[in-house]
N, C-alpha and C. Protein backbone atom coordinates (compact mmCIF):
# COMPACT_ATOMS: atom_id res chain seq x y z
N MET A 1 -5.90 -14.37 -12.20
CA MET A 1 -5.76 -14.99 -10.89
C MET A 1 -4.95 -14.10 -9.94
N ILE A 2 -3.83 -13.59 -10.44
CA ILE A 2 -2.99 -12.73 -9.61
C ILE A 2 -3.72 -11.44 -9.27
N LEU A 3 -4.47 -10.92 -10.23
CA LEU A 3 -5.23 -9.70 -9.98
C LEU A 3 -6.25 -9.91 -8.86
N TRP A 4 -6.93 -11.04 -8.87
CA TRP A 4 -7.91 -11.31 -7.82
C TRP A 4 -7.24 -11.48 -6.47
N LEU A 5 -6.07 -12.12 -6.45
CA LEU A 5 -5.35 -12.26 -5.19
C LEU A 5 -4.89 -10.90 -4.67
N THR A 6 -4.47 -10.03 -5.58
CA THR A 6 -4.06 -8.69 -5.19
C THR A 6 -5.24 -7.91 -4.62
N LEU A 7 -6.38 -7.98 -5.27
CA LEU A 7 -7.57 -7.30 -4.78
C LEU A 7 -8.03 -7.86 -3.44
N PHE A 8 -7.94 -9.17 -3.28
CA PHE A 8 -8.32 -9.80 -2.02
C PHE A 8 -7.39 -9.36 -0.89
N ALA A 9 -6.08 -9.34 -1.17
CA ALA A 9 -5.11 -8.90 -0.16
C ALA A 9 -5.33 -7.44 0.18
N SER A 10 -5.64 -6.63 -0.81
CA SER A 10 -5.92 -5.21 -0.56
C SER A 10 -7.15 -5.05 0.32
N GLY A 11 -8.17 -5.84 0.08
CA GLY A 11 -9.38 -5.79 0.90
C GLY A 11 -9.10 -6.19 2.34
N ILE A 12 -8.27 -7.19 2.52
CA ILE A 12 -7.92 -7.62 3.87
C ILE A 12 -7.15 -6.52 4.59
N ILE A 13 -6.23 -5.88 3.88
CA ILE A 13 -5.45 -4.80 4.50
C ILE A 13 -6.36 -3.63 4.85
N LEU A 14 -7.27 -3.28 3.97
CA LEU A 14 -8.21 -2.19 4.26
C LEU A 14 -9.09 -2.52 5.46
N LEU A 15 -9.56 -3.75 5.54
CA LEU A 15 -10.36 -4.17 6.68
C LEU A 15 -9.54 -4.11 7.96
N SER A 16 -8.29 -4.50 7.89
CA SER A 16 -7.41 -4.43 9.06
C SER A 16 -7.23 -2.99 9.52
N ILE A 17 -7.07 -2.07 8.58
CA ILE A 17 -6.93 -0.66 8.94
C ILE A 17 -8.20 -0.14 9.60
N LEU A 18 -9.35 -0.54 9.09
CA LEU A 18 -10.61 -0.12 9.70
C LEU A 18 -10.76 -0.67 11.12
N ILE A 19 -10.36 -1.91 11.33
CA ILE A 19 -10.43 -2.49 12.67
C ILE A 19 -9.46 -1.77 13.60
N LEU A 20 -8.27 -1.45 13.09
CA LEU A 20 -7.32 -0.69 13.89
C LEU A 20 -7.89 0.68 14.26
N GLY A 21 -8.61 1.29 13.33
CA GLY A 21 -9.21 2.59 13.60
C GLY A 21 -10.27 2.51 14.69
N ILE A 22 -11.01 1.43 14.74
CA ILE A 22 -12.04 1.27 15.76
C ILE A 22 -11.42 1.05 17.13
N LYS A 23 -10.34 0.30 17.19
CA LYS A 23 -9.68 0.00 18.46
C LYS A 23 -8.54 0.97 18.74
N TRP A 24 -8.63 2.15 18.19
CA TRP A 24 -7.52 3.11 18.24
C TRP A 24 -7.18 3.57 19.64
N LYS A 25 -8.15 3.69 20.53
CA LYS A 25 -7.90 4.20 21.89
C LYS A 25 -6.84 3.37 22.61
N ARG A 26 -6.97 2.04 22.53
CA ARG A 26 -6.01 1.18 23.22
C ARG A 26 -4.68 1.14 22.48
N LEU A 27 -4.72 1.17 21.15
CA LEU A 27 -3.49 1.11 20.38
C LEU A 27 -2.69 2.40 20.46
N LYS A 28 -3.38 3.50 20.72
CA LYS A 28 -2.70 4.80 20.79
C LYS A 28 -1.69 4.83 21.92
N LEU A 29 -1.96 4.15 22.99
CA LEU A 29 -1.03 4.11 24.11
C LEU A 29 0.24 3.32 23.77
N PHE A 30 0.12 2.41 22.83
CA PHE A 30 1.27 1.57 22.46
C PHE A 30 2.29 2.34 21.62
N PHE A 31 1.82 3.26 20.80
CA PHE A 31 2.71 3.99 19.91
C PHE A 31 3.09 5.34 20.50
N HIS A 32 4.12 5.95 19.96
CA HIS A 32 4.69 7.16 20.56
C HIS A 32 3.92 8.43 20.27
N ASP A 33 3.32 8.59 19.12
CA ASP A 33 2.57 9.81 18.78
C ASP A 33 1.11 9.48 18.57
N GLU A 34 0.29 10.50 18.57
CA GLU A 34 -1.15 10.28 18.46
C GLU A 34 -1.59 9.94 17.04
N ASN A 35 -1.18 10.73 16.06
CA ASN A 35 -1.66 10.53 14.69
C ASN A 35 -0.57 10.03 13.75
N TYR A 36 0.66 10.03 14.17
CA TYR A 36 1.78 9.68 13.29
C TYR A 36 1.70 8.23 12.83
N THR A 37 1.33 7.33 13.70
CA THR A 37 1.31 5.92 13.36
C THR A 37 0.21 5.60 12.35
N TYR A 38 -0.93 6.23 12.46
CA TYR A 38 -2.00 5.99 11.50
C TYR A 38 -1.55 6.40 10.10
N PHE A 39 -0.81 7.50 10.00
CA PHE A 39 -0.26 7.92 8.71
C PHE A 39 0.73 6.90 8.19
N GLU A 40 1.55 6.35 9.06
CA GLU A 40 2.51 5.33 8.65
C GLU A 40 1.80 4.10 8.10
N ILE A 41 0.74 3.67 8.76
CA ILE A 41 0.01 2.49 8.30
C ILE A 41 -0.60 2.74 6.92
N CYS A 42 -1.17 3.92 6.73
CA CYS A 42 -1.73 4.27 5.42
C CYS A 42 -0.65 4.33 4.35
N PHE A 43 0.50 4.87 4.69
CA PHE A 43 1.60 4.96 3.72
C PHE A 43 2.10 3.57 3.34
N ILE A 44 2.27 2.70 4.31
CA ILE A 44 2.74 1.34 4.02
C ILE A 44 1.72 0.60 3.16
N THR A 45 0.44 0.79 3.45
CA THR A 45 -0.60 0.15 2.65
C THR A 45 -0.58 0.66 1.21
N LEU A 46 -0.46 1.97 1.06
CA LEU A 46 -0.41 2.55 -0.28
C LEU A 46 0.82 2.06 -1.04
N TYR A 47 1.95 2.00 -0.37
CA TYR A 47 3.18 1.52 -1.00
C TYR A 47 3.05 0.05 -1.40
N PHE A 48 2.40 -0.76 -0.54
CA PHE A 48 2.17 -2.16 -0.86
C PHE A 48 1.30 -2.30 -2.12
N LEU A 49 0.24 -1.50 -2.19
CA LEU A 49 -0.65 -1.55 -3.35
C LEU A 49 0.08 -1.14 -4.63
N GLU A 50 0.95 -0.13 -4.52
CA GLU A 50 1.73 0.28 -5.69
C GLU A 50 2.62 -0.85 -6.17
N GLN A 51 3.28 -1.53 -5.24
CA GLN A 51 4.14 -2.65 -5.62
C GLN A 51 3.34 -3.80 -6.20
N ALA A 52 2.19 -4.08 -5.64
CA ALA A 52 1.36 -5.17 -6.13
C ALA A 52 0.90 -4.90 -7.56
N VAL A 53 0.49 -3.67 -7.83
CA VAL A 53 0.06 -3.31 -9.19
C VAL A 53 1.25 -3.40 -10.15
N PHE A 54 2.41 -2.92 -9.71
CA PHE A 54 3.60 -2.98 -10.56
C PHE A 54 3.98 -4.43 -10.90
N ILE A 55 3.96 -5.30 -9.90
CA ILE A 55 4.31 -6.70 -10.15
C ILE A 55 3.29 -7.35 -11.06
N THR A 56 2.01 -7.06 -10.85
CA THR A 56 0.97 -7.64 -11.69
C THR A 56 1.10 -7.18 -13.14
N LEU A 57 1.30 -5.87 -13.33
CA LEU A 57 1.45 -5.35 -14.69
C LEU A 57 2.72 -5.87 -15.36
N SER A 58 3.80 -6.02 -14.59
CA SER A 58 5.04 -6.55 -15.15
C SER A 58 4.87 -7.99 -15.58
N TYR A 59 4.04 -8.73 -14.85
CA TYR A 59 3.80 -10.13 -15.21
C TYR A 59 3.00 -10.24 -16.50
N PHE A 60 1.97 -9.41 -16.64
CA PHE A 60 1.11 -9.51 -17.81
C PHE A 60 1.66 -8.79 -19.04
N TYR A 61 2.50 -7.77 -18.85
CA TYR A 61 3.06 -7.00 -19.95
C TYR A 61 4.58 -6.94 -19.85
N PRO A 62 5.28 -8.05 -20.08
CA PRO A 62 6.74 -8.04 -19.94
C PRO A 62 7.45 -7.18 -20.99
N ASP A 63 6.79 -6.92 -22.11
CA ASP A 63 7.41 -6.10 -23.16
C ASP A 63 7.56 -4.64 -22.73
N TYR A 64 6.73 -4.20 -21.83
CA TYR A 64 6.75 -2.81 -21.38
C TYR A 64 7.44 -2.65 -20.01
N SER A 65 8.33 -3.56 -19.68
CA SER A 65 8.92 -3.54 -18.35
C SER A 65 9.75 -2.28 -18.09
N VAL A 66 10.44 -1.76 -19.10
CA VAL A 66 11.24 -0.54 -18.91
C VAL A 66 10.32 0.64 -18.64
N PHE A 67 9.26 0.77 -19.41
CA PHE A 67 8.29 1.84 -19.19
C PHE A 67 7.63 1.72 -17.83
N LEU A 68 7.23 0.51 -17.45
CA LEU A 68 6.58 0.30 -16.16
C LEU A 68 7.51 0.61 -15.00
N THR A 69 8.79 0.27 -15.14
CA THR A 69 9.76 0.55 -14.08
C THR A 69 9.91 2.06 -13.89
N GLY A 70 10.01 2.81 -14.96
CA GLY A 70 10.11 4.26 -14.86
C GLY A 70 8.86 4.87 -14.28
N PHE A 71 7.71 4.39 -14.71
CA PHE A 71 6.44 4.90 -14.19
C PHE A 71 6.29 4.58 -12.71
N PHE A 72 6.69 3.37 -12.32
CA PHE A 72 6.64 2.97 -10.92
C PHE A 72 7.55 3.87 -10.07
N ALA A 73 8.73 4.20 -10.59
CA ALA A 73 9.64 5.09 -9.86
C ALA A 73 9.01 6.47 -9.66
N LEU A 74 8.35 6.98 -10.68
CA LEU A 74 7.68 8.27 -10.55
C LEU A 74 6.57 8.24 -9.51
N ILE A 75 5.80 7.17 -9.51
CA ILE A 75 4.71 7.05 -8.54
C ILE A 75 5.25 6.94 -7.12
N VAL A 76 6.32 6.16 -6.94
CA VAL A 76 6.90 6.00 -5.60
C VAL A 76 7.46 7.33 -5.10
N ILE A 77 8.14 8.05 -5.96
CA ILE A 77 8.70 9.35 -5.56
C ILE A 77 7.57 10.32 -5.22
N SER A 78 6.50 10.29 -5.98
CA SER A 78 5.35 11.15 -5.67
C SER A 78 4.71 10.78 -4.34
N THR A 79 4.62 9.50 -4.06
CA THR A 79 4.05 9.04 -2.80
C THR A 79 4.91 9.49 -1.63
N VAL A 80 6.21 9.35 -1.76
CA VAL A 80 7.12 9.77 -0.69
C VAL A 80 7.05 11.27 -0.49
N ALA A 81 6.86 12.02 -1.56
CA ALA A 81 6.79 13.47 -1.47
C ALA A 81 5.54 13.92 -0.70
N MET A 82 4.48 13.12 -0.73
CA MET A 82 3.28 13.48 0.02
C MET A 82 3.57 13.45 1.49
């Protein structure tokens, strides 16, 4: 159930990003840089998906919580490094 909710939320976020991309001309005037904000939106979406997967896996596999926490930290650091 949680996995389906996570996938549904991810689909809604992806659809929102696509709609933002289509209406980008008007939104570009609202933000300070031309391409910087689109990168921020993608980063926040990716970070949200990482957290959602981590929470879902922690719920289903509580015995591996220490391993999952370390792996999640590595993924987050890698994402920030990009």
